[in-house]
Amino acid sequence: MSQNVAFIGLGIMGLPMAKNLVNAGFTVTGFNRSSKAIDDLVVAGGKGATSIADAVKDADIVITMVPDSPDVQGVVTGEDGVFANAKSGALWIDNSSIRPDVAVALATEAREAGLRPLDAPVSGGEAGAIEGVLSIMVGGDTADFEAAKPVLDAVGKTIVLVGPSGSGQTVKAANQLIVAANIQALSEAVVFLEAYGVDTDAAIKVLGGGLAGSKVLDQKAQKILDREFAPGFRLALHNKDMGIVTSAAREAGVVLPLGALVAQLVTSTVASGDGALDHSGLFRGVQRLSGKVEAPLPA
């Protein structure tokens, strides 16, 4: 690939995505607040930048992958941001998960700066990022989506244009609602099974082969059984996403009774000190409610 890609945000998801772009033949220049992630990208064949402005100055495509709406606003606006320093006509792909209304507003600003914006949040967790099989829901113009397809193909498997700017973030909010509800249900099922002394490995195997089977069960059940909650996607970020879901639902005038309850359960688990754990750590919240609190995990 002859295209230059600037990748802003080399975290749990961003770094493996950037590495996959390198492996696909793109020239990738990365920037991150911590220098270690930049060093890791350089070792993988990418380049490092000293600032956002430095990263994006020659980029044909700019990708941002940061935690929340204020973080995206912080890296794209201002004198040192993407909008002021990227060349006219560059694609801006935001893989972050942020508020739909913020995505729409930033897309307008991007177009005014001469850029072509796509909101393209991803689903699949760290494993999906490493394997390059993320699900990517994209909002923006059809022509810009087609231009970005080679880049998206390098990091994802299921890639769909779901509507105009902001639509990708709306679909991602729905995704996070479904995932959180599934993890909560799985967590409750495991607590229930363990209370009756059932062989949980056998139980999960048979449940996975029936209608209860799901990708959540496939990817998260063993983590729960092993009490192994190293973050593939942090509970604190899922808490943020559930706030987006409930806020957007209220603005649209729709009622999400299960979503509201699950959002509170996620918040409770984070407030109990488990925000840095994988979102399968919701299991610990169910344990607390059942009076079956286990020893705190190591810091």
Protein backbone atom coordinates (compact mmCIF):
# COMPACT_ATOMS: atom_id res chain seq x y z
CA MET A 1 0.00 0.00 0.00
CA SER A 2 1.27 3.46 -0.88
CA GLN A 3 -0.99 5.26 1.57
CA ASN A 4 0.30 6.88 4.74
CA VAL A 5 -1.78 6.23 7.85
CA ALA A 6 -1.55 8.24 11.07
CA PHE A 7 -2.80 6.29 14.07
CA ILE A 8 -3.63 8.29 17.21
CA GLY A 9 -4.19 6.19 20.33
CA LEU A 10 -2.17 3.01 20.72
CA GLY A 11 -3.98 1.36 23.61
CA ILE A 12 -5.32 -2.16 24.16
CA MET A 13 -7.22 -1.99 20.87
CA GLY A 14 -5.29 0.64 18.95
CA LEU A 15 -1.82 -0.91 19.04
CA PRO A 16 -2.79 -4.29 17.54
CA MET A 17 -4.93 -2.51 14.95
CA ALA A 18 -1.97 -0.33 13.96
CA LYS A 19 0.26 -3.41 13.76
CA ASN A 20 -2.25 -5.09 11.44
CA LEU A 21 -2.13 -2.05 9.17
CA VAL A 22 1.66 -2.33 9.07
CA ASN A 23 1.34 -6.02 8.19
CA ALA A 24 -1.10 -5.10 5.40
CA GLY A 25 1.55 -2.88 3.83
CA PHE A 26 0.47 0.59 4.94
CA THR A 27 3.01 3.13 6.14
CA VAL A 28 1.81 3.73 9.69
CA THR A 29 2.92 6.58 11.94
CA GLY A 30 1.66 6.33 15.50
CA PHE A 31 1.23 8.74 18.37
CA ASN A 32 0.25 7.92 21.93
CA ARG A 33 0.48 9.64 25.30
CA SER A 34 2.81 6.91 26.60
CA SER A 35 5.97 6.39 24.60
CA LYS A 36 6.18 2.62 25.20
CA ALA A 37 3.27 1.96 22.85
CA ILE A 38 4.98 4.06 20.17
CA ASP A 39 8.16 2.04 20.68
CA ASP A 40 6.17 -1.20 20.30
CA LEU A 41 4.74 0.04 16.99
CA VAL A 42 8.22 0.96 15.74
CA VAL A 43 9.49 -2.52 16.60
CA ALA A 44 6.59 -3.91 14.54
CA GLY A 45 7.64 -1.87 11.51
CA GLY A 46 5.74 1.37 12.02
CA LYS A 47 6.98 4.88 12.69
CA GLY A 48 6.73 7.07 15.75
CA ALA A 49 5.65 10.70 16.01
CA THR A 50 6.42 13.32 18.63
CA SER A 51 3.01 14.98 18.44
CA ILE A 52 -0.39 14.69 16.79
CA ALA A 53 0.60 17.40 14.32
CA ASP A 54 3.76 15.48 13.45
CA ALA A 55 1.82 12.23 12.99
CA VAL A 56 -0.85 13.60 10.66
CA LYS A 57 1.06 16.08 8.50
CA ASP A 58 1.69 13.64 5.62
CA ALA A 59 -1.17 11.24 6.26
CA ASP A 60 -3.69 10.20 3.62
CA ILE A 61 -5.75 8.58 6.37
CA VAL A 62 -5.98 9.58 10.03
CA ILE A 63 -7.33 7.09 12.55
CA THR A 64 -8.23 8.02 16.11
CA MET A 65 -8.80 5.37 18.79
CA VAL A 66 -9.17 6.99 22.21
CA PRO A 67 -11.45 6.30 25.20
CA ASP A 68 -14.26 8.89 25.24
CA SER A 69 -15.92 11.89 23.59
CA PRO A 70 -13.74 14.52 25.34
CA ASP A 71 -10.62 12.57 24.33
CA VAL A 72 -11.62 12.60 20.66
CA GLN A 73 -12.43 16.30 20.85
CA GLY A 74 -9.05 16.87 22.48
CA VAL A 75 -7.03 15.19 19.74
CA VAL A 76 -8.88 16.58 16.72
CA THR A 77 -9.52 20.21 17.69
CA GLY A 78 -7.17 23.04 18.61
CA GLU A 79 -3.94 24.30 17.06
CA ASP A 80 -2.12 21.02 17.59
CA GLY A 81 -5.06 18.79 16.64
CA VAL A 82 -5.92 16.69 13.62
CA PHE A 83 -8.21 19.21 11.93
CA ALA A 84 -5.63 22.00 11.95
CA ASN A 85 -2.74 19.86 10.75
CA ALA A 86 -3.99 17.11 8.46
CA LYS A 87 -3.83 17.78 4.74
CA SER A 88 -6.98 18.66 2.84
CA GLY A 89 -8.80 15.64 1.45
CA ALA A 90 -7.49 13.19 4.04
CA LEU A 91 -9.85 10.60 5.44
CA TRP A 92 -10.50 10.81 9.18
CA ILE A 93 -11.70 7.53 10.66
CA ASP A 94 -12.70 7.62 14.30
CA ASN A 95 -12.66 4.09 15.72
CA SER A 96 -13.43 5.37 19.23
CA SER A 97 -16.80 4.77 20.90
CA ILE A 98 -18.34 8.17 21.64
CA ARG A 99 -21.68 9.97 21.84
CA PRO A 100 -23.55 10.04 18.51
CA ASP A 101 -24.28 13.78 18.82
CA VAL A 102 -20.57 14.51 19.34
CA ALA A 103 -19.72 12.38 16.29
CA VAL A 104 -22.16 14.39 14.16
CA ALA A 105 -20.78 17.72 15.38
CA LEU A 106 -17.16 16.69 14.83
CA ALA A 107 -17.97 15.37 11.36
CA THR A 108 -19.27 18.82 10.46
CA GLU A 109 -16.09 20.44 11.78
CA ALA A 110 -13.96 17.94 9.91
CA ARG A 111 -15.66 18.70 6.60
CA GLU A 112 -15.19 22.41 7.22
CA ALA A 113 -11.47 21.67 7.69
CA GLY A 114 -11.38 19.84 4.34
CA LEU A 115 -11.34 16.31 5.75
CA ARG A 116 -13.59 13.33 4.98
CA PRO A 117 -14.98 11.95 8.27
CA LEU A 118 -16.20 8.48 9.14
CA ASP A 119 -17.32 7.42 12.59
CA ALA A 120 -16.37 3.75 12.70
CA PRO A 121 -16.49 2.26 16.20
CA VAL A 122 -15.43 -1.35 16.54
CA SER A 123 -16.54 -4.44 18.43
CA GLY A 124 -14.61 -7.61 19.17
CA GLY A 125 -12.35 -6.68 22.05
CA GLU A 126 -8.61 -7.12 22.28
CA ALA A 127 -8.75 -10.58 20.72
CA GLY A 128 -10.63 -9.28 17.69
CA ALA A 129 -8.15 -6.41 17.33
CA ILE A 130 -5.17 -8.76 17.47
CA GLU A 131 -6.69 -11.20 14.98
CA GLY A 132 -7.94 -8.43 12.66
CA VAL A 133 -11.54 -9.67 12.75
CA LEU A 134 -13.31 -6.72 14.34
CA SER A 135 -16.90 -5.83 13.54
CA ILE A 136 -16.94 -2.22 12.32
CA MET A 137 -20.10 -0.12 12.09
CA VAL A 138 -19.53 2.94 9.94
CA GLY A 139 -21.33 6.26 9.63
CA GLY A 140 -20.55 8.71 6.82
CA ASP A 141 -20.70 9.24 3.06
CA THR A 142 -20.71 6.23 0.75
CA ALA A 143 -17.77 7.49 -1.33
CA ASP A 144 -15.66 8.04 1.79
CA PHE A 145 -16.60 4.59 3.06
CA GLU A 146 -15.48 2.99 -0.20
CA ALA A 147 -12.20 4.93 -0.08
CA ALA A 148 -11.58 3.72 3.47
CA LYS A 149 -12.46 0.09 2.78
CA PRO A 150 -8.87 -1.17 2.26
CA VAL A 151 -7.86 0.22 5.65
CA LEU A 152 -10.94 -1.15 7.39
CA ASP A 153 -10.44 -4.54 5.75
CA ALA A 154 -6.98 -4.72 7.32
CA VAL A 155 -8.38 -4.52 10.85
CA GLY A 156 -11.88 -5.94 10.58
CA LYS A 157 -14.00 -8.74 9.18
CA THR A 158 -17.61 -7.54 9.31
CA ILE A 159 -17.62 -3.97 7.97
CA VAL A 160 -20.93 -2.26 7.24
CA LEU A 161 -21.94 1.30 6.33
CA VAL A 162 -24.97 1.83 8.57
CA GLY A 163 -25.94 5.39 7.63
CA PRO A 164 -24.79 9.02 7.69
CA SER A 165 -22.42 10.55 10.22
CA GLY A 166 -23.27 9.51 13.78
CA SER A 167 -24.95 6.27 12.72
CA GLY A 168 -21.89 4.17 13.48
CA GLN A 169 -21.87 5.44 17.05
CA THR A 170 -25.60 4.80 17.42
CA VAL A 171 -25.19 1.19 16.31
CA LYS A 172 -22.19 0.79 18.64
CA ALA A 173 -24.32 2.00 21.55
CA ALA A 174 -26.86 -0.71 20.71
CA ASN A 175 -24.02 -3.24 20.51
CA GLN A 176 -22.80 -2.30 23.98
CA LEU A 177 -26.31 -2.65 25.39
CA ILE A 178 -26.60 -6.19 24.00
CA VAL A 179 -23.10 -7.19 25.16
CA ALA A 180 -23.56 -5.88 28.70
CA ALA A 181 -26.94 -7.60 29.06
CA ASN A 182 -25.43 -10.87 27.82
CA ILE A 183 -22.46 -10.70 30.19
CA GLN A 184 -24.76 -9.91 33.10
CA ALA A 185 -27.01 -12.88 32.25
CA LEU A 186 -23.99 -15.17 31.85
CA SER A 187 -22.60 -14.00 35.20
CA GLU A 188 -25.90 -14.68 36.94
CA ALA A 189 -26.10 -18.13 35.32
CA VAL A 190 -22.62 -19.07 36.57
CA VAL A 191 -23.38 -17.90 40.12
CA PHE A 192 -26.60 -19.96 39.96
CA LEU A 193 -24.82 -23.07 38.66
CA GLU A 194 -22.04 -22.84 41.23
CA ALA A 195 -24.59 -22.51 44.05
CA TYR A 196 -25.91 -25.95 43.11
CA GLY A 197 -22.49 -27.57 42.71
CA VAL A 198 -22.95 -28.22 39.01
CA ASP A 199 -19.95 -29.12 36.83
CA THR A 200 -19.70 -25.66 35.31
CA ASP A 201 -17.35 -26.64 32.49
CA ALA A 202 -19.84 -29.26 31.33
CA ALA A 203 -22.74 -26.87 31.82
CA ILE A 204 -21.11 -24.14 29.71
CA LYS A 205 -20.37 -26.68 26.97
CA VAL A 206 -23.98 -27.79 26.65
CA LEU A 207 -25.37 -24.26 27.03
CA GLY A 208 -23.08 -23.10 24.24
CA GLY A 209 -24.53 -25.68 21.89
CA GLY A 210 -28.11 -24.53 22.36
CA LEU A 211 -30.10 -21.34 21.98
CA ALA A 212 -28.23 -19.84 24.95
CA GLY A 213 -25.01 -20.00 22.95
CA SER A 214 -23.43 -16.70 21.93
CA LYS A 215 -20.09 -15.07 21.20
CA VAL A 216 -20.25 -13.61 24.70
CA LEU A 217 -20.53 -17.11 26.15
CA ASP A 218 -17.73 -18.37 23.88
CA GLN A 219 -15.34 -15.54 24.78
CA LYS A 220 -16.24 -14.71 28.39
CA ALA A 221 -17.46 -17.88 30.14
CA GLN A 222 -13.99 -19.34 30.66
CA LYS A 223 -12.68 -16.02 31.99
CA ILE A 224 -15.48 -16.09 34.56
CA LEU A 225 -14.90 -19.72 35.51
CA ASP A 226 -11.15 -19.08 35.86
CA ARG A 227 -11.70 -15.76 37.68
CA GLU A 228 -9.29 -14.30 35.14
CA PHE A 229 -10.32 -10.73 34.43
CA ALA A 230 -7.31 -9.20 32.63
CA PRO A 231 -8.89 -6.48 30.50
CA GLY A 232 -9.74 -7.12 26.89
CA PHE A 233 -12.30 -4.33 27.32
CA ARG A 234 -12.35 -2.50 30.62
CA LEU A 235 -15.49 -2.26 32.73
CA ALA A 236 -14.87 1.48 33.14
CA LEU A 237 -15.20 1.94 29.39
CA HIS A 238 -18.33 -0.20 29.22
CA ASN A 239 -19.74 1.95 32.01
CA LYS A 240 -19.08 4.98 29.83
CA ASP A 241 -20.81 3.29 26.90
CA MET A 242 -23.89 2.40 28.95
CA GLY A 243 -24.11 6.06 29.90
CA ILE A 244 -24.17 6.87 26.17
CA VAL A 245 -26.96 4.31 25.62
CA THR A 246 -29.20 5.56 28.41
CA SER A 247 -28.63 9.23 27.57
CA ALA A 248 -29.29 8.74 23.85
CA ALA A 249 -32.41 6.70 24.60
CA ARG A 250 -33.78 9.48 26.79
CA GLU A 251 -33.11 12.05 24.05
CA ALA A 252 -34.93 9.84 21.53
CA GLY A 253 -37.88 9.37 23.89
CA VAL A 254 -37.57 5.57 24.01
CA VAL A 255 -37.61 3.34 27.08
CA LEU A 256 -34.90 0.73 27.73
CA PRO A 257 -35.90 -0.88 31.04
CA LEU A 258 -33.39 -3.72 30.88
CA GLY A 259 -30.71 -1.37 29.57
CA ALA A 260 -31.26 1.02 32.46
CA LEU A 261 -30.97 -1.80 35.00
CA VAL A 262 -27.85 -3.27 33.42
CA ALA A 263 -26.31 0.21 33.28
CA GLN A 264 -26.80 0.55 37.03
CA LEU A 265 -25.26 -2.89 37.63
CA VAL A 266 -22.23 -1.96 35.54
CA THR A 267 -21.88 1.31 37.46
CA SER A 268 -22.15 -0.55 40.77
CA THR A 269 -19.36 -2.94 39.80
CA VAL A 270 -17.13 -0.05 38.74
CA ALA A 271 -17.94 1.87 41.93
CA SER A 272 -16.90 -1.20 43.92
CA GLY A 273 -13.38 -0.86 42.52
CA ASP A 274 -13.48 -3.20 39.53
CA GLY A 275 -13.38 -0.62 36.73
CA ALA A 276 -9.95 -1.72 35.49
CA LEU A 277 -11.10 -5.34 35.03
CA ASP A 278 -12.44 -6.89 31.85
CA HIS A 279 -16.19 -6.40 31.48
CA SER A 280 -16.62 -10.10 32.35
CA GLY A 281 -15.83 -8.76 35.83
CA LEU A 282 -19.56 -8.03 36.06
CA PHE A 283 -19.56 -11.51 37.58
CA ARG A 284 -18.01 -10.04 40.73
CA GLY A 285 -20.94 -7.67 41.04
CA VAL A 286 -23.36 -10.60 40.98
CA GLN A 287 -21.24 -12.33 43.62
CA ARG A 288 -21.47 -9.30 45.87
CA LEU A 289 -25.25 -9.12 45.52
CA SER A 290 -25.41 -12.84 46.39
CA GLY A 291 -23.25 -12.45 49.48
CA LYS A 292 -20.47 -14.50 47.90
CA VAL A 293 -17.70 -11.92 47.82
CA GLU A 294 -14.29 -13.35 46.95
CA ALA A 295 -10.94 -11.94 47.96
CA PRO A 296 -10.01 -8.72 46.15
CA LEU A 297 -7.96 -9.19 43.03
CA PRO A 298 -4.27 -8.12 43.12
CA ALA A 299 -3.72 -4.47 42.22
